[in-house]
């Protein structure tokens, strides 16, 4: 069997083809007291869509590992709440733990 030759010229990196991620930088979304009040107001009015939007936006701005530890839930649970492809139907205990972690 003949020897295979190696490519002499290295391929260019695909770094230029990566998309730059624009993070959420809103000070309102990082304000845990404001977010907790908004989430409670959404619960009072029964607006589940707004609840999910506010919770998702807040979780995207903060450290999910830290919130998961404070709330006593798994990180995967928080990522499942953020995922738009999954059905949003969390248990009451999960929601109350997250809100308690926000105000702590």
N, C-alpha and C. Protein backbone atom coordinates (compact mmCIF):
# COMPACT_ATOMS: atom_id res chain seq x y z
N UNK A 1 0.83 -1.16 0.00
CA UNK A 1 0.00 0.00 0.00
C UNK A 1 0.88 1.24 0.00
N UNK A 2 0.54 2.18 -0.85
CA UNK A 2 1.35 3.38 -0.99
C UNK A 2 1.11 4.33 0.17
N UNK A 3 2.15 5.13 0.44
CA UNK A 3 2.03 6.13 1.51
C UNK A 3 1.09 7.24 1.07
N UNK A 4 0.33 7.72 2.02
CA UNK A 4 -0.54 8.85 1.71
C UNK A 4 0.21 10.14 2.01
N UNK A 5 0.08 11.08 1.15
CA UNK A 5 0.72 12.37 1.36
C UNK A 5 -0.13 13.23 2.29
N UNK A 6 0.51 14.08 2.99
CA UNK A 6 -0.22 15.00 3.87
C UNK A 6 -0.39 16.34 3.18
N UNK A 7 -1.38 17.05 3.61
CA UNK A 7 -1.66 18.35 3.03
C UNK A 7 -0.60 19.33 3.50
N UNK A 8 0.07 19.96 2.57
CA UNK A 8 1.16 20.87 2.91
C UNK A 8 0.65 22.21 3.41
N UNK A 9 -0.45 22.69 2.84
CA UNK A 9 -0.95 24.00 3.19
C UNK A 9 -2.08 23.84 4.22
N UNK A 10 -1.94 24.45 5.41
CA UNK A 10 -3.00 24.30 6.41
C UNK A 10 -4.28 25.02 5.99
N UNK A 11 -5.38 24.44 6.40
CA UNK A 11 -6.67 25.05 6.07
C UNK A 11 -6.89 26.27 6.95
N UNK A 12 -7.66 27.21 6.42
CA UNK A 12 -7.97 28.41 7.18
C UNK A 12 -9.00 28.08 8.25
N UNK A 13 -8.90 28.81 9.34
CA UNK A 13 -9.81 28.61 10.45
C UNK A 13 -11.20 29.13 10.09
N UNK A 14 -12.20 28.51 10.65
CA UNK A 14 -13.58 28.91 10.39
C UNK A 14 -14.08 29.99 11.35
N UNK A 15 -13.17 30.66 12.04
CA UNK A 15 -13.56 31.66 13.04
C UNK A 15 -14.36 32.79 12.40
N UNK A 16 -14.03 33.19 11.21
CA UNK A 16 -14.74 34.29 10.56
C UNK A 16 -16.19 33.93 10.27
N UNK A 17 -16.46 32.65 10.18
CA UNK A 17 -17.82 32.23 9.86
C UNK A 17 -18.72 32.14 11.10
N UNK A 18 -18.14 32.27 12.30
CA UNK A 18 -18.93 32.22 13.51
C UNK A 18 -19.73 33.50 13.69
N UNK A 19 -20.92 33.37 14.22
CA UNK A 19 -21.75 34.53 14.46
C UNK A 19 -21.47 35.07 15.85
N UNK A 20 -21.44 36.37 15.96
CA UNK A 20 -21.20 36.98 17.24
C UNK A 20 -22.50 37.02 18.03
N UNK A 21 -22.45 36.57 19.26
CA UNK A 21 -23.63 36.52 20.11
C UNK A 21 -23.79 37.84 20.84
N UNK A 22 -24.97 38.40 20.75
CA UNK A 22 -25.24 39.65 21.45
C UNK A 22 -25.98 39.31 22.73
N UNK A 23 -25.34 39.56 23.84
CA UNK A 23 -25.91 39.20 25.14
C UNK A 23 -26.94 40.24 25.59
N UNK A 24 -27.82 39.80 26.48
CA UNK A 24 -28.77 40.72 27.08
C UNK A 24 -28.02 41.58 28.08
N UNK A 25 -28.15 42.89 27.97
CA UNK A 25 -27.44 43.78 28.87
C UNK A 25 -28.37 44.75 29.57
N UNK A 26 -29.63 44.46 29.64
CA UNK A 26 -30.60 45.36 30.24
C UNK A 26 -30.46 45.36 31.75
N UNK A 27 -30.40 46.55 32.34
CA UNK A 27 -30.29 46.65 33.79
C UNK A 27 -31.60 46.22 34.46
N UNK A 28 -32.74 46.41 33.78
CA UNK A 28 -34.02 45.99 34.34
C UNK A 28 -34.11 44.48 34.45
N UNK A 29 -33.54 43.78 33.48
CA UNK A 29 -33.59 42.32 33.51
C UNK A 29 -32.67 41.74 34.56
N UNK A 30 -31.66 42.48 34.98
CA UNK A 30 -30.75 42.01 36.01
C UNK A 30 -31.24 42.38 37.41
N UNK A 31 -32.21 43.28 37.49
CA UNK A 31 -32.78 43.69 38.78
C UNK A 31 -33.71 42.59 39.27
N UNK A 32 -33.26 41.81 40.24
CA UNK A 32 -34.02 40.63 40.67
C UNK A 32 -35.32 41.01 41.38
N UNK A 33 -35.32 42.13 42.10
CA UNK A 33 -36.56 42.55 42.78
C UNK A 33 -37.64 42.92 41.77
N UNK A 34 -37.25 43.66 40.74
CA UNK A 34 -38.20 44.06 39.71
C UNK A 34 -38.72 42.84 38.94
N UNK A 35 -37.83 41.91 38.63
CA UNK A 35 -38.23 40.70 37.91
C UNK A 35 -39.17 39.86 38.76
N UNK A 36 -38.86 39.71 40.06
CA UNK A 36 -39.72 38.92 40.94
C UNK A 36 -41.11 39.57 41.05
N UNK A 37 -41.16 40.90 41.17
CA UNK A 37 -42.45 41.59 41.23
C UNK A 37 -43.24 41.40 39.95
N UNK A 38 -42.55 41.48 38.82
CA UNK A 38 -43.21 41.30 37.53
C UNK A 38 -43.74 39.88 37.37
N UNK A 39 -42.96 38.90 37.81
CA UNK A 39 -43.41 37.51 37.72
C UNK A 39 -44.64 37.27 38.61
N UNK A 40 -44.63 37.85 39.79
CA UNK A 40 -45.79 37.70 40.68
C UNK A 40 -47.02 38.38 40.10
N UNK A 41 -46.83 39.51 39.45
CA UNK A 41 -47.95 40.22 38.81
C UNK A 41 -48.50 39.38 37.65
N UNK A 42 -47.62 38.73 36.90
CA UNK A 42 -48.08 37.85 35.81
C UNK A 42 -48.88 36.69 36.36
N UNK A 43 -48.47 36.16 37.52
CA UNK A 43 -49.21 35.06 38.14
C UNK A 43 -50.59 35.55 38.58
N UNK A 44 -50.64 36.75 39.16
CA UNK A 44 -51.92 37.30 39.63
C UNK A 44 -52.91 37.49 38.48
N UNK A 45 -52.40 37.96 37.34
CA UNK A 45 -53.28 38.21 36.20
C UNK A 45 -53.51 36.98 35.34
N UNK A 46 -52.73 35.91 35.58
CA UNK A 46 -52.90 34.68 34.81
C UNK A 46 -52.28 34.76 33.42
N UNK A 47 -51.31 35.64 33.23
CA UNK A 47 -50.67 35.83 31.93
C UNK A 47 -49.43 34.94 31.83
N UNK A 48 -49.63 33.70 31.39
CA UNK A 48 -48.54 32.74 31.32
C UNK A 48 -47.50 33.09 30.25
N UNK A 49 -47.95 33.67 29.14
CA UNK A 49 -47.01 34.03 28.07
C UNK A 49 -46.02 35.10 28.53
N UNK A 50 -46.54 36.13 29.20
CA UNK A 50 -45.66 37.18 29.71
C UNK A 50 -44.74 36.64 30.80
N UNK A 51 -45.27 35.75 31.62
CA UNK A 51 -44.47 35.13 32.67
C UNK A 51 -43.26 34.42 32.07
N UNK A 52 -43.52 33.63 31.03
CA UNK A 52 -42.43 32.89 30.40
C UNK A 52 -41.42 33.84 29.75
N UNK A 53 -41.89 34.88 29.09
CA UNK A 53 -40.99 35.83 28.43
C UNK A 53 -40.09 36.53 29.43
N UNK A 54 -40.67 36.99 30.54
CA UNK A 54 -39.88 37.70 31.56
C UNK A 54 -38.89 36.74 32.21
N UNK A 55 -39.35 35.56 32.56
CA UNK A 55 -38.46 34.58 33.19
C UNK A 55 -37.33 34.18 32.26
N UNK A 56 -37.64 33.93 31.01
CA UNK A 56 -36.61 33.55 30.03
C UNK A 56 -35.59 34.66 29.84
N UNK A 57 -36.07 35.89 29.69
CA UNK A 57 -35.15 37.02 29.49
C UNK A 57 -34.25 37.20 30.71
N UNK A 58 -34.82 37.05 31.90
CA UNK A 58 -34.00 37.20 33.11
C UNK A 58 -32.97 36.08 33.22
N UNK A 59 -33.39 34.85 32.97
CA UNK A 59 -32.46 33.73 33.08
C UNK A 59 -31.34 33.82 32.05
N UNK A 60 -31.58 34.47 30.94
CA UNK A 60 -30.54 34.62 29.94
C UNK A 60 -29.52 35.68 30.34
N UNK A 61 -29.86 36.55 31.31
CA UNK A 61 -28.93 37.60 31.73
C UNK A 61 -28.11 37.23 32.95
N UNK A 62 -28.55 36.23 33.69
CA UNK A 62 -27.87 35.89 34.94
C UNK A 62 -27.16 34.55 34.84
N UNK A 63 -26.39 34.25 35.86
CA UNK A 63 -25.68 32.99 35.94
C UNK A 63 -26.66 31.90 36.34
N UNK A 64 -26.93 30.99 35.43
CA UNK A 64 -27.93 29.96 35.67
C UNK A 64 -27.48 28.95 36.74
N UNK A 65 -26.19 28.72 36.84
CA UNK A 65 -25.69 27.80 37.86
C UNK A 65 -25.95 28.35 39.25
N UNK A 66 -25.72 29.64 39.42
CA UNK A 66 -25.95 30.26 40.72
C UNK A 66 -27.43 30.26 41.09
N UNK A 67 -28.30 30.58 40.14
CA UNK A 67 -29.74 30.57 40.40
C UNK A 67 -30.21 29.15 40.71
N UNK A 68 -29.68 28.17 39.99
CA UNK A 68 -30.08 26.77 40.23
C UNK A 68 -29.69 26.33 41.64
N UNK A 69 -28.50 26.73 42.09
CA UNK A 69 -28.07 26.37 43.45
C UNK A 69 -28.95 27.04 44.49
N UNK A 70 -29.23 28.33 44.30
CA UNK A 70 -30.07 29.06 45.25
C UNK A 70 -31.48 28.49 45.30
N UNK A 71 -32.00 28.09 44.15
CA UNK A 71 -33.37 27.59 44.07
C UNK A 71 -33.46 26.12 44.45
N UNK A 72 -32.36 25.41 44.41
CA UNK A 72 -32.39 23.98 44.72
C UNK A 72 -32.96 23.15 43.58
N UNK A 73 -32.82 23.65 42.36
CA UNK A 73 -33.27 22.90 41.18
C UNK A 73 -32.05 22.63 40.30
N UNK A 74 -32.20 21.74 39.37
CA UNK A 74 -31.11 21.43 38.46
C UNK A 74 -30.95 22.49 37.38
N UNK A 75 -29.73 22.65 36.92
CA UNK A 75 -29.47 23.59 35.83
C UNK A 75 -30.25 23.21 34.58
N UNK A 76 -30.39 21.92 34.35
CA UNK A 76 -31.12 21.45 33.18
C UNK A 76 -32.57 21.92 33.23
N UNK A 77 -33.12 22.02 34.43
CA UNK A 77 -34.50 22.51 34.59
C UNK A 77 -34.60 23.94 34.09
N UNK A 78 -33.62 24.77 34.43
CA UNK A 78 -33.62 26.16 33.98
C UNK A 78 -33.48 26.24 32.46
N UNK A 79 -32.61 25.42 31.91
CA UNK A 79 -32.45 25.41 30.45
C UNK A 79 -33.71 24.92 29.76
N UNK A 80 -34.41 23.99 30.38
CA UNK A 80 -35.69 23.52 29.81
C UNK A 80 -36.73 24.63 29.84
N UNK A 81 -36.71 25.46 30.86
CA UNK A 81 -37.65 26.59 30.93
C UNK A 81 -37.36 27.62 29.84
N UNK A 82 -36.09 27.78 29.51
CA UNK A 82 -35.68 28.76 28.48
C UNK A 82 -35.98 28.26 27.07
N UNK A 83 -35.88 26.97 26.85
CA UNK A 83 -36.00 26.39 25.52
C UNK A 83 -37.39 26.63 24.92
N UNK A 84 -37.47 27.38 23.80
CA UNK A 84 -38.78 27.66 23.20
C UNK A 84 -39.42 26.44 22.54
N UNK A 85 -38.62 25.42 22.25
CA UNK A 85 -39.16 24.23 21.59
C UNK A 85 -39.90 23.32 22.57
N UNK A 86 -39.62 23.48 23.85
CA UNK A 86 -40.25 22.62 24.85
C UNK A 86 -41.51 23.28 25.40
N UNK A 87 -42.41 22.43 25.85
CA UNK A 87 -43.66 22.94 26.43
C UNK A 87 -43.35 23.58 27.78
N UNK A 88 -43.94 24.75 28.03
CA UNK A 88 -43.72 25.46 29.29
C UNK A 88 -44.81 25.07 30.26
N UNK A 89 -44.51 24.11 31.10
CA UNK A 89 -45.48 23.64 32.08
C UNK A 89 -44.73 23.24 33.36
N UNK A 90 -44.08 24.22 34.03
CA UNK A 90 -43.32 23.89 35.23
C UNK A 90 -44.23 23.62 36.43
N UNK A 91 -43.70 22.89 37.38
CA UNK A 91 -44.45 22.63 38.60
C UNK A 91 -44.44 23.89 39.47
N UNK A 92 -45.43 24.00 40.31
CA UNK A 92 -45.54 25.15 41.20
C UNK A 92 -44.34 25.22 42.14
N UNK A 93 -43.84 24.08 42.58
CA UNK A 93 -42.68 24.07 43.47
C UNK A 93 -41.43 24.64 42.78
N UNK A 94 -41.28 24.36 41.49
CA UNK A 94 -40.15 24.89 40.73
C UNK A 94 -40.25 26.40 40.60
N UNK A 95 -41.43 26.89 40.27
CA UNK A 95 -41.64 28.34 40.12
C UNK A 95 -41.42 29.05 41.44
N UNK A 96 -41.97 28.50 42.51
CA UNK A 96 -41.80 29.16 43.81
C UNK A 96 -40.35 29.15 44.26
N UNK A 97 -39.61 28.08 43.96
CA UNK A 97 -38.19 28.02 44.31
C UNK A 97 -37.39 29.05 43.53
N UNK A 98 -37.71 29.23 42.26
CA UNK A 98 -37.00 30.22 41.44
C UNK A 98 -37.29 31.63 41.93
N UNK A 99 -38.54 31.92 42.23
CA UNK A 99 -38.88 33.27 42.72
C UNK A 99 -38.23 33.52 44.07
N UNK A 100 -38.20 32.52 44.97
CA UNK A 100 -37.52 32.68 46.25
C UNK A 100 -36.04 32.93 46.04
N UNK A 101 -35.43 32.26 45.06
CA UNK A 101 -34.00 32.46 44.78
C UNK A 101 -33.75 33.86 44.23
N UNK A 102 -34.70 34.40 43.49
CA UNK A 102 -34.53 35.74 42.94
C UNK A 102 -34.52 36.81 44.03
N UNK A 103 -35.39 36.67 45.01
CA UNK A 103 -35.47 37.69 46.05
C UNK A 103 -34.48 37.45 47.19
N UNK A 104 -33.80 36.31 47.18
CA UNK A 104 -32.81 36.03 48.24
C UNK A 104 -31.53 36.83 48.05
